[in-house]
């Protein structure tokens, strides 16, 4: 193998792994974190108004997740 071909393969693999990390792993981790935050139990006393605001935020987060997965081709 020539030196240039070896350098090309190393650069190609680095770019591939960066794309995998930023395109698959990080969005999946963010999805799991946002899902955990949305599904967390919020039934303490005196938080009815905050809970309703959080439900609106939940819809926005779920739309974000749906759109992001649509762009990735999961749906």
C-alpha atoms as a PDB file:
ATOM      1  CA  UNK A   1       0.000   0.000   0.000  1.00  0.00           C
ATOM      2  CA  UNK A   2       1.327   3.377  -0.879  1.00  0.00           C
ATOM      3  CA  UNK A   3       1.718   6.139   1.658  1.00  0.00           C
ATOM      4  CA  UNK A   4      -1.004   8.288   0.084  1.00  0.00           C
ATOM      5  CA  UNK A   5      -3.500   5.452   0.008  1.00  0.00           C
ATOM      6  CA  UNK A   6      -2.845   4.700   3.674  1.00  0.00           C
ATOM      7  CA  UNK A   7      -3.300   8.387   4.589  1.00  0.00           C
ATOM      8  CA  UNK A   8      -6.514   8.495   2.563  1.00  0.00           C
ATOM      9  CA  UNK A   9      -7.910   5.418   4.304  1.00  0.00           C
ATOM     10  CA  UNK A  10      -7.067   6.807   7.744  1.00  0.00           C
ATOM     11  CA  UNK A  11      -8.683  10.160   6.916  1.00  0.00           C
ATOM     12  CA  UNK A  12     -11.714   8.411   5.426  1.00  0.00           C
ATOM     13  CA  UNK A  13     -12.196   6.251   8.535  1.00  0.00           C
ATOM     14  CA  UNK A  14     -11.816   9.285  10.828  1.00  0.00           C
ATOM     15  CA  UNK A  15     -14.495  11.151   8.865  1.00  0.00           C
ATOM     16  CA  UNK A  16     -16.741   8.089   8.855  1.00  0.00           C
ATOM     17  CA  UNK A  17     -16.497   7.698  12.627  1.00  0.00           C
ATOM     18  CA  UNK A  18     -17.176  11.405  13.145  1.00  0.00           C
ATOM     19  CA  UNK A  19     -20.297  11.124  10.976  1.00  0.00           C
ATOM     20  CA  UNK A  20     -21.445   8.051  12.900  1.00  0.00           C
ATOM     21  CA  UNK A  21     -20.913   9.759  16.249  1.00  0.00           C
ATOM     22  CA  UNK A  22     -22.616  13.033  15.319  1.00  0.00           C
ATOM     23  CA  UNK A  23     -25.272  11.480  13.086  1.00  0.00           C
ATOM     24  CA  UNK A  24     -26.359   8.421  15.047  1.00  0.00           C
ATOM     25  CA  UNK A  25     -24.986   8.229  18.573  1.00  0.00           C
ATOM     26  CA  UNK A  26     -25.402  11.820  19.796  1.00  0.00           C
ATOM     27  CA  UNK A  27     -28.983  12.212  18.454  1.00  0.00           C
ATOM     28  CA  UNK A  28     -29.905   8.869  20.032  1.00  0.00           C
ATOM     29  CA  UNK A  29     -28.447   9.961  23.386  1.00  0.00           C
ATOM     30  CA  UNK A  30     -30.269  13.309  23.175  1.00  0.00           C
ATOM     31  CA  UNK A  31     -33.475  11.447  22.305  1.00  0.00           C
ATOM     32  CA  UNK A  32     -33.139   9.214  25.360  1.00  0.00           C
ATOM     33  CA  UNK A  33     -32.375  12.180  27.648  1.00  0.00           C
ATOM     34  CA  UNK A  34     -35.332  14.211  26.349  1.00  0.00           C
ATOM     35  CA  UNK A  35     -37.636  11.195  26.630  1.00  0.00           C
ATOM     36  CA  UNK A  36     -36.511  10.668  30.238  1.00  0.00           C
ATOM     37  CA  UNK A  37     -37.134  14.343  31.055  1.00  0.00           C
ATOM     38  CA  UNK A  38     -40.582  14.307  29.430  1.00  0.00           C
ATOM     39  CA  UNK A  39     -41.709  11.071  31.089  1.00  0.00           C
ATOM     40  CA  UNK A  40     -40.432  11.986  34.541  1.00  0.00           C
ATOM     41  CA  UNK A  41     -43.133  11.985  37.218  1.00  0.00           C
ATOM     42  CA  UNK A  42     -44.259  15.555  38.037  1.00  0.00           C
ATOM     43  CA  UNK A  43     -47.285  14.924  40.272  1.00  0.00           C
ATOM     44  CA  UNK A  44     -46.184  16.910  43.327  1.00  0.00           C
ATOM     45  CA  UNK A  45     -48.619  19.296  45.008  1.00  0.00           C
ATOM     46  CA  UNK A  46     -48.877  22.878  43.764  1.00  0.00           C
ATOM     47  CA  UNK A  47     -47.370  22.242  40.324  1.00  0.00           C
ATOM     48  CA  UNK A  48     -50.521  22.106  38.215  1.00  0.00           C
ATOM     49  CA  UNK A  49     -49.718  25.270  36.242  1.00  0.00           C
ATOM     50  CA  UNK A  50     -46.103  24.277  35.692  1.00  0.00           C
ATOM     51  CA  UNK A  51     -47.232  20.798  34.639  1.00  0.00           C
ATOM     52  CA  UNK A  52     -49.517  22.295  31.963  1.00  0.00           C
ATOM     53  CA  UNK A  53     -46.681  24.424  30.630  1.00  0.00           C
ATOM     54  CA  UNK A  54     -44.489  21.335  30.619  1.00  0.00           C
ATOM     55  CA  UNK A  55     -47.087  19.458  28.556  1.00  0.00           C
ATOM     56  CA  UNK A  56     -46.808  22.156  25.869  1.00  0.00           C
ATOM     57  CA  UNK A  57     -43.045  21.770  25.982  1.00  0.00           C
ATOM     58  CA  UNK A  58     -43.498  18.014  25.712  1.00  0.00           C
ATOM     59  CA  UNK A  59     -45.346  18.450  22.421  1.00  0.00           C
ATOM     60  CA  UNK A  60     -42.540  20.618  21.062  1.00  0.00           C
ATOM     61  CA  UNK A  61     -39.903  18.112  22.146  1.00  0.00           C
ATOM     62  CA  UNK A  62     -41.814  15.210  20.601  1.00  0.00           C
ATOM     63  CA  UNK A  63     -42.195  17.136  17.340  1.00  0.00           C
ATOM     64  CA  UNK A  64     -38.447  17.832  17.377  1.00  0.00           C
ATOM     65  CA  UNK A  65     -37.709  14.149  17.904  1.00  0.00           C
ATOM     66  CA  UNK A  66     -40.124  13.145  15.128  1.00  0.00           C
ATOM     67  CA  UNK A  67     -38.618  15.671  12.694  1.00  0.00           C
ATOM     68  CA  UNK A  68     -35.057  14.650  13.545  1.00  0.00           C
ATOM     69  CA  UNK A  69     -35.838  10.966  13.079  1.00  0.00           C
ATOM     70  CA  UNK A  70     -37.634  11.764   9.827  1.00  0.00           C
ATOM     71  CA  UNK A  71     -34.500  13.467   8.541  1.00  0.00           C
ATOM     72  CA  UNK A  72     -32.390  10.493   9.583  1.00  0.00           C
ATOM     73  CA  UNK A  73     -34.742   8.074   7.832  1.00  0.00           C
ATOM     74  CA  UNK A  74     -36.000   6.164  10.878  1.00  0.00           C
ATOM     75  CA  UNK A  75     -39.704   6.736  10.064  1.00  0.00           C
END
